[in-house]
Amino acid sequence: MKKLGMRIEYIVGVFLIFLCFLLYWLNMGNYAFLDTNETRFVSIAKDMLSHSDWINVQLNDEAFFKYPPLLFWLINLSCVAFAKINAEVVRLPISLITSFGIISMFFMLKNMLSKSYAFIITLIFATSVGTLVFSRLATNDMLFCIFSLAAILCASKTLFSRKNKQKIIIWTLVYLFIAFATMSCGVLGFIIPTVCIYAMYILSGNMKELFNPRHFFPGLTIFALITLPWHIIMLNKNGLVFFKEYFSTINFIKYAGIKETLTVIAIFLTSFVPWAFSFIWIIGSKFKDILNSISSYFKDNSQIKLQDKWQTLKTTERFLSINTIVFFVALVFAILYGSKHTYSVLFLLFPASCITGFYWYEYIVKKEHDKSIFFATMVPNIILIISSIIGLFGHNYINTVINQSLKNLIVPLTMIFFVIPLFGIFTILLKGRKTLFASNLILMISVSLVLTPTFFNFMIANGGEKDLIGFAQLAKKDNIKLTAFLPSKKHSITYYYDNKINFQNNNDIEWLRNYLSKNPHEYVIVEIKDLWDIEAKKIPYLLIDSGKRYCLIQHSPASLKELKNEQEPEIIIF
């Protein structure tokens, strides 16, 4: 029996490796860098590698102190190992770390819980949209998420282990992973997992264990050895300027308000698709019970009483209690930090997977929660079926730009968002519990294989990033200095131009007039909508190139006629 159990674990391990390959590795080089944090981080890494300076973090030849360099080091190690820089090589470290985290998650959880429950949790986390999308991008979001959840898992393990020697090793790993999380996202990388672990130990009534000298001082030493050297060098080199910008990431004194809170919740639920409806239904139906359980548990909050209550809980109850506390603590941080810190929202996926996984486990194994799973499955599947029908028969009424971008995907979209959800509906009606769970996995694997590259390319094309990439490459080819007259910095220009960009984040058309006349040979990127104002002000220009949202212009010695009321601007094509 023991050998059979080991064989099953190896089979699960091989299956998870194959699943990670399909979800995170396949086709990850078939789309350009996204003009979100990805182009910013990749530009920093490229600059670090080109200058052979692995200490100073610079963006567009300016100091960038907001994040430590772990992500940039990993990207550059991958580039050095493969002796090239491209999208696939740059994204590889994140996909590998995510895959390693997923596989390790199962093997850690199966020692605390049943193998079935551990497997379900792992699959839910692995196939969530947030994990799928951000494991394919060279950003620090999944890096923080994986290291933080590794620290949480190890800390959870110490609450279930009675062996002191094993505890010391596990606590060493806790400090190690928190150090990596800190080197990924800075101060927040330390604060979020640490506070969550403190909350877990308050729940268990074992606060004294956190400061046990046998692991506290060795762990603190490991943390300091990993995190302090770079921070000390940067502080010594840049002084208070580094201190001020670096710690600006934790400026959450002012609550952003209900709108930002709703945005954070919307991002979390979107990231947790296709399991979000299950989570909403569970939390909605059990929310009152959860609050009553928490309030009654902490009614007498002395450490001795909490410890006694903790001992009366079953293993699964302990695990669920831990992750419920972690979820709500992490949710508070996500709301305080706001949607700009995406990694704080993604961190919610793990405790949410543990909570949702428990109900799916009881649904599959113990044949419970039929009503909850029924409605949580029927609603999204019906929405997907209706959407696929609209897409198939009503695509002529969809925006022309979207239609052109997705015209080759009408049939695959219909197959994915009609056939699989329809199969799921029949499955739930026939009470095929394992098959119903598998239908969600098939849906996400299909989405990854068919839609992921197209989705990213669609974002790049319709967000105007394709324009910027083309302009940057043209300016680099022509060896002409490039200026961006845009409302915000777009670092895809920085990466593809591979030189310093003059970003002018203002709407002063007169400034543009003076700049063009003083720098007649430079290329300037402007938004297409600005051309009307440019011509209304009679600013002479040549249109070098034009895209969907942006255009590339240059100074022209010719004068423009003054526009009459409601007259459209006349584009001068070079």
Protein backbone atom coordinates (compact mmCIF):
# COMPACT_ATOMS: atom_id res chain seq x y z
CA MET A 1 0.00 0.00 0.00
CA LYS A 2 2.85 2.35 0.83
CA LYS A 3 4.48 1.70 -2.55
CA LEU A 4 1.13 2.31 -4.26
CA GLY A 5 0.80 5.63 -2.41
CA MET A 6 4.29 6.67 -3.53
CA ARG A 7 3.46 5.75 -7.13
CA ILE A 8 0.30 7.86 -7.01
CA GLU A 9 2.31 10.83 -5.69
CA TYR A 10 4.83 10.48 -8.50
CA ILE A 11 2.00 10.26 -11.05
CA VAL A 12 0.45 13.42 -9.58
CA GLY A 13 3.86 15.14 -9.70
CA VAL A 14 4.32 14.24 -13.39
CA PHE A 15 0.75 15.38 -14.13
CA LEU A 16 1.38 18.74 -12.43
CA ILE A 17 4.58 19.25 -14.46
CA PHE A 18 2.66 18.56 -17.67
CA LEU A 19 -0.17 20.85 -16.54
CA CYS A 20 2.29 23.68 -15.80
CA PHE A 21 3.84 23.20 -19.24
CA LEU A 22 0.43 23.66 -20.89
CA LEU A 23 -0.66 26.55 -18.69
CA TYR A 24 2.51 28.61 -18.24
CA TRP A 25 5.25 27.61 -20.69
CA LEU A 26 3.62 26.86 -24.04
CA ASN A 27 3.53 29.85 -26.47
CA MET A 28 4.85 32.28 -23.86
CA GLY A 29 7.25 33.76 -26.43
CA ASN A 30 4.55 34.42 -29.04
CA TYR A 31 3.62 37.93 -27.89
CA ALA A 32 5.57 41.10 -27.22
CA PHE A 33 6.24 42.55 -23.78
CA LEU A 34 3.16 44.23 -22.33
CA ASP A 35 3.31 47.93 -21.56
CA THR A 36 2.39 47.40 -17.94
CA ASN A 37 5.05 46.66 -15.36
CA GLU A 38 6.54 44.09 -17.72
CA THR A 39 8.24 46.53 -20.13
CA ARG A 40 9.40 48.61 -17.17
CA PHE A 41 10.98 45.63 -15.39
CA VAL A 42 12.46 44.13 -18.55
CA SER A 43 13.98 47.51 -19.47
CA ILE A 44 15.62 47.69 -16.03
CA ALA A 45 17.00 44.17 -16.37
CA LYS A 46 18.31 44.88 -19.89
CA ASP A 47 20.01 48.07 -18.70
CA MET A 48 21.54 46.20 -15.75
CA LEU A 49 22.89 43.50 -18.06
CA SER A 50 24.22 45.87 -20.72
CA HIS A 51 26.14 47.92 -18.12
CA SER A 52 27.30 44.81 -16.20
CA ASP A 53 26.03 46.54 -13.06
CA TRP A 54 23.95 44.13 -10.98
CA ILE A 55 23.60 46.47 -7.98
CA ASN A 56 22.20 49.75 -9.27
CA VAL A 57 18.61 49.67 -10.51
CA GLN A 58 18.08 52.15 -13.34
CA LEU A 59 15.22 52.88 -15.72
CA ASN A 60 15.75 55.09 -18.77
CA ASP A 61 19.18 56.07 -17.35
CA GLU A 62 17.54 57.29 -14.13
CA ALA A 63 17.76 55.68 -10.67
CA PHE A 64 14.76 53.48 -9.84
CA PHE A 65 14.56 52.69 -6.13
CA LYS A 66 11.05 51.30 -5.67
CA TYR A 67 11.87 47.60 -5.99
CA PRO A 68 14.84 45.41 -5.02
CA PRO A 69 16.73 43.60 -7.78
CA LEU A 70 15.78 39.89 -7.35
CA LEU A 71 13.49 39.83 -10.40
CA PHE A 72 16.11 41.58 -12.54
CA TRP A 73 18.81 39.17 -11.39
CA LEU A 74 16.65 36.16 -12.32
CA ILE A 75 15.85 37.61 -15.75
CA ASN A 76 19.51 38.34 -16.46
CA LEU A 77 20.64 34.90 -15.26
CA SER A 78 18.22 33.40 -17.77
CA CYS A 79 19.53 35.68 -20.53
CA VAL A 80 23.15 34.79 -19.70
CA ALA A 81 22.35 31.07 -19.57
CA PHE A 82 20.69 31.12 -23.01
CA ALA A 83 23.03 33.80 -24.43
CA LYS A 84 20.12 35.82 -25.83
CA ILE A 85 17.37 38.23 -24.84
CA ASN A 86 13.86 37.54 -26.06
CA ALA A 87 10.37 37.24 -24.60
CA GLU A 88 10.59 33.51 -23.98
CA VAL A 89 13.95 33.64 -22.20
CA VAL A 90 12.98 36.66 -20.10
CA ARG A 91 9.67 35.14 -18.96
CA LEU A 92 11.14 31.70 -18.25
CA PRO A 93 12.22 32.34 -14.60
CA ILE A 94 8.72 33.39 -13.54
CA SER A 95 7.04 30.42 -15.21
CA LEU A 96 9.60 28.04 -13.68
CA ILE A 97 9.21 29.48 -10.17
CA THR A 98 5.41 29.36 -10.50
CA SER A 99 5.59 25.73 -11.64
CA PHE A 100 7.97 24.81 -8.82
CA GLY A 101 5.64 26.55 -6.34
CA ILE A 102 2.60 24.65 -7.64
CA ILE A 103 4.31 21.25 -7.46
CA SER A 104 5.81 22.00 -4.01
CA MET A 105 2.37 23.16 -2.84
CA PHE A 106 0.88 19.72 -3.43
CA PHE A 107 3.68 17.83 -1.67
CA MET A 108 3.56 20.16 1.35
CA LEU A 109 -0.23 20.09 1.63
CA LYS A 110 -0.55 16.32 1.27
CA ASN A 111 1.55 15.91 4.45
CA MET A 112 -0.92 18.10 6.37
CA LEU A 113 -4.18 17.07 4.69
CA SER A 114 -5.58 14.22 2.65
CA LYS A 115 -4.01 13.76 -0.80
CA SER A 116 -7.36 14.43 -2.51
CA TYR A 117 -7.92 17.74 -0.71
CA ALA A 118 -4.31 18.80 -1.35
CA PHE A 119 -4.64 17.93 -5.05
CA ILE A 120 -7.89 19.90 -5.42
CA ILE A 121 -6.39 23.00 -3.74
CA THR A 122 -3.34 22.82 -6.00
CA LEU A 123 -5.43 22.50 -9.17
CA ILE A 124 -7.72 25.38 -8.19
CA PHE A 125 -4.77 27.71 -7.56
CA ALA A 126 -2.91 26.53 -10.68
CA THR A 127 -5.84 27.05 -13.05
CA SER A 128 -7.06 30.42 -11.75
CA VAL A 129 -6.90 33.23 -14.32
CA GLY A 130 -4.57 35.33 -12.13
CA THR A 131 -2.03 32.52 -11.85
CA LEU A 132 -2.34 31.73 -15.55
CA VAL A 133 -1.85 35.33 -16.73
CA PHE A 134 0.84 36.58 -14.36
CA SER A 135 2.98 33.43 -14.57
CA ARG A 136 3.39 34.34 -18.27
CA LEU A 137 4.64 37.88 -17.59
CA ALA A 138 8.10 39.02 -16.46
CA THR A 139 6.82 40.96 -13.44
CA ASN A 140 7.32 40.60 -9.70
CA ASP A 141 3.65 39.74 -9.02
CA MET A 142 3.90 35.94 -9.15
CA LEU A 143 7.41 36.06 -7.70
CA PHE A 144 6.05 37.69 -4.54
CA CYS A 145 2.96 35.47 -4.56
CA ILE A 146 4.89 32.18 -4.74
CA PHE A 147 7.52 33.13 -2.13
CA SER A 148 4.88 34.51 0.24
CA LEU A 149 2.60 31.49 -0.01
CA ALA A 150 5.67 29.25 0.48
CA ALA A 151 6.39 31.12 3.73
CA ILE A 152 2.72 30.79 4.77
CA LEU A 153 2.70 27.07 3.99
CA CYS A 154 5.89 26.46 5.95
CA ALA A 155 4.56 28.47 8.91
CA SER A 156 1.33 26.43 8.73
CA LYS A 157 3.41 23.27 8.76
CA THR A 158 5.02 24.29 12.07
CA LEU A 159 1.55 24.37 13.65
CA PHE A 160 0.95 20.75 12.61
CA SER A 161 4.42 19.35 13.36
CA ARG A 162 5.45 18.12 16.81
CA LYS A 163 9.08 17.32 15.99
CA ASN A 164 11.40 20.08 17.24
CA LYS A 165 14.21 19.30 14.77
CA GLN A 166 11.77 19.38 11.88
CA LYS A 167 10.34 22.67 13.15
CA ILE A 168 13.76 24.34 13.14
CA ILE A 169 14.31 23.37 9.49
CA ILE A 170 10.82 24.53 8.53
CA TRP A 171 11.25 27.86 10.36
CA THR A 172 14.52 28.37 8.49
CA LEU A 173 12.55 28.02 5.25
CA VAL A 174 9.96 30.53 6.50
CA TYR A 175 12.61 33.21 6.99
CA LEU A 176 14.28 32.26 3.70
CA PHE A 177 11.06 32.68 1.69
CA ILE A 178 10.15 35.94 3.44
CA ALA A 179 13.62 37.23 2.54
CA PHE A 180 13.02 36.30 -1.13
CA ALA A 181 9.58 37.95 -1.02
CA THR A 182 11.23 41.08 0.41
CA MET A 183 13.83 41.08 -2.34
CA SER A 184 11.00 40.74 -4.87
CA CYS A 185 8.68 43.56 -3.77
CA GLY A 186 10.49 45.50 -1.07
CA VAL A 187 8.89 46.41 2.25
CA LEU A 188 5.47 45.00 1.36
CA GLY A 189 7.14 41.67 0.57
CA PHE A 190 8.10 41.55 4.23
CA ILE A 191 5.00 43.07 5.83
CA ILE A 192 2.21 41.03 4.20
CA PRO A 193 3.45 37.45 4.84
CA THR A 194 4.83 38.37 8.27
CA VAL A 195 1.55 39.86 9.52
CA CYS A 196 -0.36 36.87 8.10
CA ILE A 197 1.92 34.48 9.99
CA TYR A 198 1.48 36.51 13.19
CA ALA A 199 -2.31 36.29 12.73
CA MET A 200 -2.04 32.52 12.32
CA TYR A 201 -0.09 32.18 15.57
CA ILE A 202 -2.46 34.47 17.45
CA LEU A 203 -5.28 32.16 16.28
CA SER A 204 -3.45 29.07 17.57
CA GLY A 205 -2.48 30.70 20.89
CA ASN A 206 1.21 29.99 20.21
CA MET A 207 2.64 33.52 20.03
CA LYS A 208 5.62 32.56 22.17
CA GLU A 209 6.68 30.04 19.53
CA LEU A 210 7.32 32.88 17.06
CA PHE A 211 10.19 34.16 19.22
CA ASN A 212 11.65 30.82 20.22
CA PRO A 213 15.46 31.48 20.28
CA ARG A 214 16.17 28.11 18.63
CA HIS A 215 14.79 29.32 15.31
CA PHE A 216 14.22 33.07 15.74
CA PHE A 217 17.86 34.20 15.83
CA PRO A 218 19.15 31.77 13.14
CA GLY A 219 16.17 32.70 10.94
CA LEU A 220 16.73 36.41 11.51
CA THR A 221 20.39 35.94 10.56
CA ILE A 222 19.44 34.22 7.29
CA PHE A 223 16.93 36.97 6.53
CA ALA A 224 19.54 39.67 7.21
CA LEU A 225 22.24 37.97 5.12
CA ILE A 226 19.92 37.86 2.10
CA THR A 227 18.24 41.27 2.36
CA LEU A 228 20.64 43.66 4.11
CA PRO A 229 23.72 43.76 1.80
CA TRP A 230 21.93 45.31 -1.19
CA HIS A 231 19.89 47.69 0.99
CA ILE A 232 22.99 48.88 2.88
CA ILE A 233 24.93 49.45 -0.36
CA MET A 234 22.05 51.45 -1.87
CA LEU A 235 21.48 53.48 1.30
CA ASN A 236 25.18 54.23 1.62
CA LYS A 237 25.40 55.21 -2.05
CA ASN A 238 22.21 57.25 -2.41
CA GLY A 239 21.35 58.32 1.13
CA LEU A 240 17.86 59.57 2.00
CA VAL A 241 16.82 59.75 -1.66
CA PHE A 242 16.86 55.94 -1.76
CA PHE A 243 15.14 55.72 1.63
CA LYS A 244 12.32 58.07 0.62
CA GLU A 245 11.46 56.46 -2.72
CA TYR A 246 11.94 52.88 -1.51
CA PHE A 247 9.57 53.28 1.43
CA SER A 248 7.02 55.24 -0.62
CA THR A 249 5.50 51.87 -1.61
CA ILE A 250 3.98 51.49 1.88
CA ASN A 251 2.23 54.87 1.89
CA PHE A 252 -1.27 53.64 2.73
CA ILE A 253 -2.20 56.10 5.47
CA LYS A 254 -5.19 57.39 3.51
CA TYR A 255 -7.92 54.88 2.71
CA ALA A 256 -8.66 55.09 -1.03
CA GLY A 257 -12.43 54.74 -0.58
CA ILE A 258 -15.25 52.48 -1.64
CA LYS A 259 -14.46 52.79 -5.37
CA GLU A 260 -10.91 51.44 -4.91
CA THR A 261 -12.23 48.73 -2.58
CA LEU A 262 -14.68 47.56 -5.23
CA THR A 263 -11.88 47.66 -7.83
CA VAL A 264 -9.68 45.44 -5.66
CA ILE A 265 -12.54 42.96 -5.12
CA ALA A 266 -13.31 42.97 -8.87
CA ILE A 267 -9.64 42.26 -9.70
CA PHE A 268 -9.54 39.41 -7.17
CA LEU A 269 -12.74 37.79 -8.45
CA THR A 270 -11.60 38.13 -12.07
CA SER A 271 -8.25 36.60 -11.12
CA PHE A 272 -10.05 33.72 -9.39
CA VAL A 273 -12.14 32.70 -12.44
CA PRO A 274 -13.38 29.95 -13.02
CA TRP A 275 -13.62 29.27 -9.27
CA ALA A 276 -14.84 32.75 -8.30
CA PHE A 277 -18.53 31.82 -8.44
CA SER A 278 -17.92 28.85 -6.11
CA PHE A 279 -16.06 31.14 -3.71
CA ILE A 280 -18.78 33.83 -3.84
CA TRP A 281 -21.51 31.26 -3.19
CA ILE A 282 -19.60 29.68 -0.31
CA ILE A 283 -18.68 32.99 1.35
CA GLY A 284 -22.19 34.36 0.75
CA SER A 285 -23.95 31.36 2.27
CA LYS A 286 -21.45 30.84 5.11
CA PHE A 287 -20.45 34.45 5.84
CA LYS A 288 -22.65 34.78 8.91
CA ASP A 289 -21.41 31.44 10.25
CA ILE A 290 -17.79 32.45 9.61
CA LEU A 291 -18.20 35.73 11.50
CA ASN A 292 -19.95 33.98 14.41
CA SER A 293 -17.22 31.32 14.55
CA ILE A 294 -14.45 33.93 14.57
CA SER A 295 -16.14 36.12 17.21
CA SER A 296 -16.90 33.16 19.48
CA TYR A 297 -13.40 31.77 19.03
CA PHE A 298 -11.79 35.05 20.08
CA LYS A 299 -14.35 35.82 22.79
CA ASP A 300 -11.84 34.84 25.45
CA ASN A 301 -8.60 35.95 23.78
CA SER A 302 -6.05 34.90 26.38
CA GLN A 303 -3.26 32.82 24.86
CA ILE A 304 -3.95 29.84 27.15
CA LYS A 305 -7.64 29.73 26.23
CA LEU A 306 -6.89 30.11 22.52
CA GLN A 307 -4.34 27.33 22.74
CA ASP A 308 -6.89 25.05 24.42
CA LYS A 309 -9.47 25.83 21.72
CA TRP A 310 -6.87 25.19 19.02
CA GLN A 311 -6.15 21.73 20.42
CA THR A 312 -9.83 20.78 20.19
CA LEU A 313 -9.98 21.51 16.44
CA LYS A 314 -9.53 18.74 13.87
CA THR A 315 -6.69 19.00 11.34
CA THR A 316 -8.94 20.18 8.50
CA GLU A 317 -10.67 22.67 10.81
CA ARG A 318 -7.28 24.09 11.82
CA PHE A 319 -6.23 24.42 8.20
CA LEU A 320 -9.47 26.14 7.19
CA SER A 321 -9.29 28.48 10.23
CA ILE A 322 -5.72 29.46 9.33
CA ASN A 323 -6.58 30.25 5.72
CA THR A 324 -9.77 32.11 6.63
CA ILE A 325 -7.73 34.40 8.90
CA VAL A 326 -4.99 34.76 6.26
CA PHE A 327 -7.58 35.64 3.60
CA PHE A 328 -9.22 38.43 5.61
CA VAL A 329 -5.88 39.85 6.82
CA ALA A 330 -4.52 39.82 3.24
CA LEU A 331 -7.78 41.38 1.98
CA VAL A 332 -7.30 44.32 4.38
CA PHE A 333 -3.77 44.85 3.01
CA ALA A 334 -5.01 44.57 -0.59
CA ILE A 335 -7.67 47.22 0.02
CA LEU A 336 -5.25 49.54 1.83
CA TYR A 337 -2.55 49.23 -0.82
CA GLY A 338 -5.01 49.45 -3.69
CA SER A 339 -5.20 47.93 -7.15
CA LYS A 340 -1.81 49.39 -8.18
CA HIS A 341 -0.12 46.74 -6.03
CA THR A 342 -1.49 43.78 -8.00
CA TYR A 343 0.65 41.28 -6.13
CA SER A 344 -1.18 42.04 -2.86
CA VAL A 345 -4.46 41.10 -4.63
CA LEU A 346 -2.98 37.96 -6.22
CA PHE A 347 -1.85 36.80 -2.78
CA LEU A 348 -5.56 36.28 -1.96
CA LEU A 349 -5.73 33.43 -4.49
CA PHE A 350 -4.02 30.89 -2.23
CA PRO A 351 -6.22 31.16 0.89
CA ALA A 352 -9.26 31.45 -1.40
CA SER A 353 -8.17 28.22 -3.13
CA CYS A 354 -7.90 26.47 0.25
CA ILE A 355 -11.39 27.59 1.30
CA THR A 356 -13.01 26.83 -2.07
CA GLY A 357 -11.10 23.56 -2.37
CA PHE A 358 -12.55 22.28 0.90
CA TYR A 359 -16.12 22.58 -0.40
CA TRP A 360 -15.21 21.01 -3.73
CA TYR A 361 -13.48 18.21 -1.79
CA GLU A 362 -16.62 17.57 0.27
CA TYR A 363 -18.74 17.80 -2.88
CA ILE A 364 -16.62 15.22 -4.73
CA VAL A 365 -15.65 12.86 -1.89
CA LYS A 366 -18.41 13.24 0.70
CA LYS A 367 -21.19 14.17 -1.76
CA GLU A 368 -22.17 17.35 0.11
CA HIS A 369 -22.93 21.00 -0.90
CA ASP A 370 -24.87 19.92 -4.00
CA LYS A 371 -27.01 23.05 -4.00
CA SER A 372 -24.06 25.46 -3.62
CA ILE A 373 -21.96 23.82 -6.34
CA PHE A 374 -25.02 23.51 -8.60
CA PHE A 375 -25.74 27.25 -8.64
CA ALA A 376 -22.05 28.22 -8.59
CA THR A 377 -21.53 26.14 -11.75
CA MET A 378 -24.75 26.78 -13.62
CA VAL A 379 -24.56 30.60 -13.50
CA PRO A 380 -21.08 31.06 -15.11
CA ASN A 381 -21.66 28.25 -17.61
CA ILE A 382 -24.92 29.81 -18.81
CA ILE A 383 -23.17 33.20 -19.10
CA LEU A 384 -20.38 31.63 -21.20
CA ILE A 385 -22.87 29.84 -23.46
CA ILE A 386 -24.87 33.03 -24.07
CA SER A 387 -21.63 34.98 -24.74
CA SER A 388 -20.45 32.39 -27.26
CA ILE A 389 -23.78 32.50 -29.10
CA ILE A 390 -23.64 36.31 -29.25
CA GLY A 391 -20.05 36.09 -30.50
CA LEU A 392 -20.94 33.57 -33.18
CA PHE A 393 -24.13 35.11 -34.57
CA GLY A 394 -23.69 38.72 -33.56
CA HIS A 395 -20.04 39.33 -34.41
CA ASN A 396 -21.04 41.68 -37.26
CA TYR A 397 -22.47 44.05 -34.67
CA ILE A 398 -19.35 44.03 -32.54
CA ASN A 399 -16.89 46.89 -32.77
CA THR A 400 -14.95 46.60 -36.05
CA VAL A 401 -11.57 46.72 -34.34
CA ILE A 402 -12.45 43.90 -31.98
CA ASN A 403 -14.06 41.91 -34.77
CA GLN A 404 -10.95 42.16 -36.96
CA SER A 405 -8.69 41.16 -34.07
CA LEU A 406 -10.81 38.18 -33.07
CA LYS A 407 -12.29 37.08 -36.43
CA ASN A 408 -10.00 34.03 -36.59
CA LEU A 409 -11.08 33.00 -33.11
CA ILE A 410 -14.85 32.90 -33.59
CA VAL A 411 -14.93 29.10 -34.06
CA PRO A 412 -12.39 28.25 -31.29
CA LEU A 413 -14.16 30.66 -28.90
CA THR A 414 -17.48 29.01 -29.66
CA MET A 415 -16.03 25.57 -29.09
CA ILE A 416 -14.44 26.58 -25.78
CA PHE A 417 -17.17 28.81 -24.34
CA PHE A 418 -20.12 26.79 -25.66
CA VAL A 419 -19.19 23.11 -25.80
CA ILE A 420 -17.25 22.86 -22.51
CA PRO A 421 -19.79 24.82 -20.37
CA LEU A 422 -22.64 22.83 -22.01
CA PHE A 423 -20.76 19.65 -21.10
CA GLY A 424 -20.43 21.01 -17.54
CA ILE A 425 -24.18 21.62 -17.29
CA PHE A 426 -25.00 18.08 -18.41
CA THR A 427 -22.38 16.75 -16.00
CA ILE A 428 -23.86 18.54 -12.98
CA LEU A 429 -27.36 17.42 -13.92
CA LEU A 430 -26.11 13.83 -14.10
CA LYS A 431 -24.16 14.35 -10.82
CA GLY A 432 -20.79 13.53 -12.36
CA ARG A 433 -18.82 15.22 -9.57
CA LYS A 434 -15.24 14.50 -10.65
CA THR A 435 -16.13 15.14 -14.29
CA LEU A 436 -17.65 18.51 -13.37
CA PHE A 437 -14.44 19.54 -11.61
CA ALA A 438 -12.42 18.27 -14.58
CA SER A 439 -14.54 20.37 -16.98
CA ASN A 440 -13.23 23.54 -15.30
CA LEU A 441 -9.67 22.28 -15.72
CA ILE A 442 -10.31 21.50 -19.41
CA LEU A 443 -11.79 24.97 -19.86
CA MET A 444 -8.69 26.70 -18.48
CA ILE A 445 -6.25 24.47 -20.37
CA SER A 446 -8.17 25.23 -23.59
CA VAL A 447 -8.10 28.95 -22.82
CA SER A 448 -4.34 28.76 -22.24
CA LEU A 449 -3.62 26.84 -25.43
CA VAL A 450 -5.91 28.78 -27.77
CA LEU A 451 -6.50 32.24 -26.34
CA THR A 452 -3.50 33.29 -24.26
CA PRO A 453 -1.16 34.52 -27.05
CA THR A 454 -4.11 36.02 -28.96
CA PHE A 455 -5.41 37.75 -25.84
CA PHE A 456 -2.03 39.35 -25.12
CA ASN A 457 -1.52 40.35 -28.76
CA PHE A 458 -5.03 41.82 -28.78
CA MET A 459 -4.15 43.95 -25.74
CA ILE A 460 -0.89 45.05 -27.36
CA ALA A 461 -2.55 45.98 -30.68
CA ASN A 462 -5.65 47.73 -29.34
CA GLY A 463 -3.90 49.45 -26.46
CA GLY A 464 -1.57 51.20 -28.91
CA GLU A 465 1.53 49.38 -27.72
CA LYS A 466 2.12 47.95 -31.19
CA ASP A 467 2.32 51.54 -32.47
CA LEU A 468 4.91 52.46 -29.83
CA ILE A 469 7.02 49.38 -30.52
CA GLY A 470 7.08 50.17 -34.25
CA PHE A 471 7.98 53.84 -33.67
CA ALA A 472 10.77 52.93 -31.24
CA GLN A 473 12.25 50.41 -33.67
CA LEU A 474 12.00 52.93 -36.55
CA ALA A 475 13.78 55.65 -34.54
CA LYS A 476 16.47 53.16 -33.51
CA LYS A 477 16.93 52.06 -37.12
CA ASP A 478 17.14 55.67 -38.37
CA ASN A 479 19.44 56.55 -35.42
CA ILE A 480 17.27 59.55 -34.53
CA LYS A 481 16.60 60.84 -31.02
CA LEU A 482 13.10 60.05 -29.76
CA THR A 483 10.77 62.10 -27.53
CA ALA A 484 7.40 60.95 -26.14
CA PHE A 485 4.76 63.65 -25.69
CA LEU A 486 2.31 61.45 -23.80
CA PRO A 487 0.17 61.73 -20.64
CA SER A 488 2.08 58.82 -19.00
CA LYS A 489 5.36 57.00 -19.45
CA LYS A 490 5.22 54.01 -21.80
CA HIS A 491 8.27 51.87 -21.18
CA SER A 492 7.76 49.66 -24.21
CA ILE A 493 9.39 52.61 -26.01
CA THR A 494 12.33 52.44 -23.58
CA TYR A 495 12.88 48.74 -24.19
CA TYR A 496 12.58 48.69 -27.98
CA TYR A 497 14.39 51.99 -28.58
CA ASP A 498 17.22 50.80 -26.33
CA ASN A 499 18.36 54.31 -25.46
CA LYS A 500 17.30 57.20 -23.26
CA ILE A 501 13.81 58.53 -24.01
CA ASN A 502 12.77 62.10 -23.34
CA PHE A 503 9.35 61.64 -21.68
CA GLN A 504 7.23 64.79 -21.49
CA ASN A 505 4.14 64.00 -19.42
CA ASN A 506 2.12 67.14 -20.01
CA ASN A 507 -0.58 68.57 -22.28
CA ASP A 508 1.13 71.85 -23.11
CA ILE A 509 0.86 72.19 -26.90
CA GLU A 510 2.97 75.36 -26.81
CA TRP A 511 5.78 73.38 -25.25
CA LEU A 512 5.53 70.96 -28.17
CA ARG A 513 5.69 73.85 -30.68
CA ASN A 514 8.91 75.18 -29.12
CA TYR A 515 10.42 71.72 -28.82
CA LEU A 516 9.78 70.83 -32.45
CA SER A 517 11.26 74.10 -33.70
CA LYS A 518 14.36 73.75 -31.50
CA ASN A 519 14.86 70.06 -32.32
CA PRO A 520 13.80 69.78 -35.97
CA HIS A 521 15.52 66.43 -36.58
CA GLU A 522 13.98 64.53 -33.67
CA TYR A 523 11.04 62.16 -33.82
CA VAL A 524 8.19 62.88 -31.41
CA ILE A 525 5.45 60.43 -30.42
CA VAL A 526 2.03 61.99 -29.77
CA GLU A 527 -1.51 60.68 -29.44
CA ILE A 528 -3.56 60.88 -32.64
CA LYS A 529 -6.23 62.91 -30.86
CA ASP A 530 -3.60 65.61 -30.23
CA LEU A 531 -3.24 66.27 -33.98
CA TRP A 532 -6.35 68.44 -34.00
CA ASP A 533 -4.87 70.71 -31.31
CA ILE A 534 -1.52 70.72 -33.10
CA GLU A 535 -3.07 71.87 -36.37
CA ALA A 536 -5.45 74.27 -34.61
CA LYS A 537 -2.34 75.96 -33.18
CA LYS A 538 -0.79 75.96 -36.68
CA ILE A 539 2.22 73.95 -35.54
CA PRO A 540 4.04 72.71 -38.67
CA TYR A 541 4.77 68.98 -38.61
CA LEU A 542 5.46 65.98 -40.80
CA LEU A 543 3.65 62.71 -40.10
CA ILE A 544 6.33 60.02 -40.22
CA ASP A 545 4.09 57.11 -39.21
CA SER A 546 0.66 56.50 -37.72
CA GLY A 547 -1.05 53.69 -35.80
CA LYS A 548 -4.33 53.03 -34.04
CA ARG A 549 -3.76 55.34 -31.09
CA TYR A 550 -0.39 57.07 -31.53
CA CYS A 551 1.55 58.72 -34.34
CA LEU A 552 5.15 59.72 -34.99
CA ILE A 553 5.80 63.30 -36.11
CA GLN A 554 8.72 65.59 -36.91
CA HIS A 555 9.15 69.32 -37.36
CA SER A 556 8.20 70.72 -40.76
CA PRO A 557 9.29 74.10 -42.11
CA ALA A 558 5.92 74.48 -43.85
CA SER A 559 3.13 76.48 -42.25
CA LEU A 560 -0.37 75.17 -41.71
CA LYS A 561 -3.61 76.90 -42.57
CA GLU A 562 -5.77 77.98 -39.67
CA LEU A 563 -8.67 75.57 -39.11
CA LYS A 564 -12.23 76.79 -39.39
CA ASN A 565 -14.92 75.77 -36.92
CA GLU A 566 -15.59 71.98 -36.91
CA GLN A 567 -13.05 71.47 -39.71
CA GLU A 568 -11.07 68.23 -39.43
CA PRO A 569 -7.25 68.46 -39.29
CA GLU A 570 -5.40 67.80 -42.51
CA ILE A 571 -2.71 65.20 -41.97
CA ILE A 572 0.55 65.94 -43.72
CA ILE A 573 2.09 62.62 -44.71
CA PHE A 574 5.84 62.38 -45.07
